[in-house]
C-alpha atoms as a PDB file:
ATOM      1  CA  MET A   1       0.000   0.000   0.000  1.00  0.00           C
ATOM      2  CA  LYS A   2       1.344   3.416  -0.975  1.00  0.00           C
ATOM      3  CA  PRO A   3       1.770   5.983   1.804  1.00  0.00           C
ATOM      4  CA  GLU A   4      -0.679   8.889   1.806  1.00  0.00           C
ATOM      5  CA  LYS A   5       0.748  12.081   0.285  1.00  0.00           C
ATOM      6  CA  ILE A   6       0.167  15.801   0.702  1.00  0.00           C
ATOM      7  CA  LEU A   7       0.832  18.508  -1.880  1.00  0.00           C
ATOM      8  CA  THR A   8       2.502  21.361  -0.041  1.00  0.00           C
ATOM      9  CA  LEU A   9       1.821  25.015  -0.729  1.00  0.00           C
ATOM     10  CA  HIS A  10       4.369  27.779  -1.309  1.00  0.00           C
ATOM     11  CA  PRO A  11       3.984  31.308   0.119  1.00  0.00           C
ATOM     12  CA  GLN A  12       4.895  32.900  -3.224  1.00  0.00           C
ATOM     13  CA  GLY A  13       2.409  30.788  -5.184  1.00  0.00           C
ATOM     14  CA  LYS A  14       5.098  28.574  -6.699  1.00  0.00           C
ATOM     15  CA  ASN A  15       4.500  24.860  -7.162  1.00  0.00           C
ATOM     16  CA  GLY A  16       4.582  22.825  -3.966  1.00  0.00           C
ATOM     17  CA  VAL A  17       5.946  19.310  -3.608  1.00  0.00           C
ATOM     18  CA  ASN A  18       4.191  15.997  -3.010  1.00  0.00           C
ATOM     19  CA  ILE A  19       5.504  14.435   0.185  1.00  0.00           C
ATOM     20  CA  ASP A  20       4.602  11.589   2.490  1.00  0.00           C
ATOM     21  CA  LEU A  21       1.886  12.725   4.908  1.00  0.00           C
ATOM     22  CA  GLY A  22       3.567  10.974   7.853  1.00  0.00           C
ATOM     23  CA  LYS A  23       6.833  12.868   7.270  1.00  0.00           C
ATOM     24  CA  TYR A  24       4.898  16.103   6.764  1.00  0.00           C
ATOM     25  CA  ASN A  25       3.063  15.689  10.069  1.00  0.00           C
ATOM     26  CA  ARG A  26       6.250  14.801  11.930  1.00  0.00           C
ATOM     27  CA  LEU A  27       8.026  17.942  10.686  1.00  0.00           C
ATOM     28  CA  LYS A  28       4.932  20.115  11.182  1.00  0.00           C
ATOM     29  CA  ASP A  29       4.641  18.956  14.815  1.00  0.00           C
ATOM     30  CA  PHE A  30       8.366  19.519  15.357  1.00  0.00           C
ATOM     31  CA  ILE A  31       8.252  23.058  13.929  1.00  0.00           C
ATOM     32  CA  LEU A  32       5.144  24.100  15.862  1.00  0.00           C
ATOM     33  CA  ASP A  33       6.239  22.498  19.146  1.00  0.00           C
ATOM     34  CA  THR A  34       9.659  24.146  18.868  1.00  0.00           C
ATOM     35  CA  LEU A  35       8.210  27.581  18.072  1.00  0.00           C
ATOM     36  CA  ARG A  36       5.678  27.312  20.905  1.00  0.00           C
ATOM     37  CA  ARG A  37       8.530  26.561  23.284  1.00  0.00           C
ATOM     38  CA  GLU A  38      10.988  29.162  21.924  1.00  0.00           C
ATOM     39  CA  GLY A  39       8.571  31.886  20.835  1.00  0.00           C
ATOM     40  CA  GLU A  40      10.596  32.878  17.818  1.00  0.00           C
ATOM     41  CA  MET A  41      13.874  31.759  16.360  1.00  0.00           C
ATOM     42  CA  THR A  42      16.045  32.011  13.297  1.00  0.00           C
ATOM     43  CA  PHE A  43      15.572  29.457  10.582  1.00  0.00           C
ATOM     44  CA  THR A  44      19.200  28.422  11.130  1.00  0.00           C
ATOM     45  CA  GLU A  45      18.467  27.583  14.782  1.00  0.00           C
ATOM     46  CA  LEU A  46      15.370  25.615  13.786  1.00  0.00           C
ATOM     47  CA  PHE A  47      17.324  23.784  11.083  1.00  0.00           C
ATOM     48  CA  ASP A  48      20.129  22.857  13.499  1.00  0.00           C
ATOM     49  CA  GLN A  49      17.663  21.618  16.131  1.00  0.00           C
ATOM     50  CA  SER A  50      15.794  19.526  13.556  1.00  0.00           C
ATOM     51  CA  LYS A  51      18.990  17.723  12.594  1.00  0.00           C
ATOM     52  CA  GLU A  52      19.885  17.101  16.255  1.00  0.00           C
ATOM     53  CA  VAL A  53      16.441  15.831  17.219  1.00  0.00           C
ATOM     54  CA  LEU A  54      15.190  14.041  14.119  1.00  0.00           C
ATOM     55  CA  GLN A  55      18.101  12.904  11.908  1.00  0.00           C
ATOM     56  CA  ALA A  56      18.821   9.633  13.714  1.00  0.00           C
ATOM     57  CA  THR A  57      15.267   8.327  13.275  1.00  0.00           C
ATOM     58  CA  PHE A  58      14.146  10.097  10.091  1.00  0.00           C
ATOM     59  CA  LYS A  59      14.247   8.461   6.674  1.00  0.00           C
ATOM     60  CA  GLY A  60      15.305  11.090   4.173  1.00  0.00           C
ATOM     61  CA  LYS A  61      16.976  14.477   4.312  1.00  0.00           C
ATOM     62  CA  VAL A  62      15.548  16.283   7.319  1.00  0.00           C
ATOM     63  CA  GLY A  63      16.662  19.683   6.029  1.00  0.00           C
ATOM     64  CA  TRP A  64      14.859  19.322   2.697  1.00  0.00           C
ATOM     65  CA  TYR A  65      11.620  18.259   4.396  1.00  0.00           C
ATOM     66  CA  LEU A  66      11.975  21.021   6.991  1.00  0.00           C
ATOM     67  CA  VAL A  67      12.184  23.696   4.286  1.00  0.00           C
ATOM     68  CA  SER A  68       9.204  22.250   2.386  1.00  0.00           C
ATOM     69  CA  VAL A  69       7.003  22.029   5.482  1.00  0.00           C
ATOM     70  CA  LYS A  70       8.076  25.458   6.775  1.00  0.00           C
ATOM     71  CA  LEU A  71       7.123  27.058   3.450  1.00  0.00           C
ATOM     72  CA  ASP A  72       3.790  25.220   3.508  1.00  0.00           C
ATOM     73  CA  LEU A  73       3.039  26.461   7.040  1.00  0.00           C
ATOM     74  CA  GLU A  74       3.879  30.010   5.921  1.00  0.00           C
ATOM     75  CA  ALA A  75       1.560  29.681   2.904  1.00  0.00           C
ATOM     76  CA  ARG A  76      -1.259  28.425   5.151  1.00  0.00           C
ATOM     77  CA  GLY A  77      -0.813  31.399   7.517  1.00  0.00           C
ATOM     78  CA  ILE A  78       0.192  29.231  10.499  1.00  0.00           C
ATOM     79  CA  ILE A  79       3.715  30.623  10.895  1.00  0.00           C
ATOM     80  CA  GLU A  80       5.293  33.744   9.493  1.00  0.00           C
ATOM     81  CA  ARG A  81       8.688  35.046   8.585  1.00  0.00           C
ATOM     82  CA  MET A  82       9.455  38.374  10.182  1.00  0.00           C
ATOM     83  CA  PRO A  83      10.252  40.932   7.465  1.00  0.00           C
ATOM     84  CA  LYS A  84      13.740  42.303   7.018  1.00  0.00           C
ATOM     85  CA  THR A  85      15.468  39.750   9.237  1.00  0.00           C
ATOM     86  CA  ARG A  86      18.625  37.967   8.155  1.00  0.00           C
ATOM     87  CA  PRO A  87      18.958  35.137   8.862  1.00  0.00           C
ATOM     88  CA  HIS A  88      15.214  35.122   8.760  1.00  0.00           C
ATOM     89  CA  VAL A  89      13.301  34.845  12.022  1.00  0.00           C
ATOM     90  CA  ILE A  90      10.075  32.843  12.186  1.00  0.00           C
ATOM     91  CA  HIS A  91       7.280  32.569  14.741  1.00  0.00           C
ATOM     92  CA  ILE A  92       3.743  31.249  15.016  1.00  0.00           C
ATOM     93  CA  LYS A  93       1.352  33.761  13.512  1.00  0.00           C
ATOM     94  CA  LYS A  94      -0.949  35.443  16.018  1.00  0.00           C
END
């Protein structure tokens, strides 16, 4: 049986990617749990934490999935990138 997929969205209206729903949900939960705990953080910090926490038990490239899911969450209005920050800072949208 094929795993269920989700087509991600992109905040700039570009084409999303089709990814395994289980991997999507795992990264989505990680991103939201981390941002709830930290409040806001740079993408670099989030990326580094994802590799520390998930890499050992995750099949695939954690960083690639993290970027795809982060962009999807931005497009859905769940998280947002703070303007004019470099490296960019993200937080859960209020």
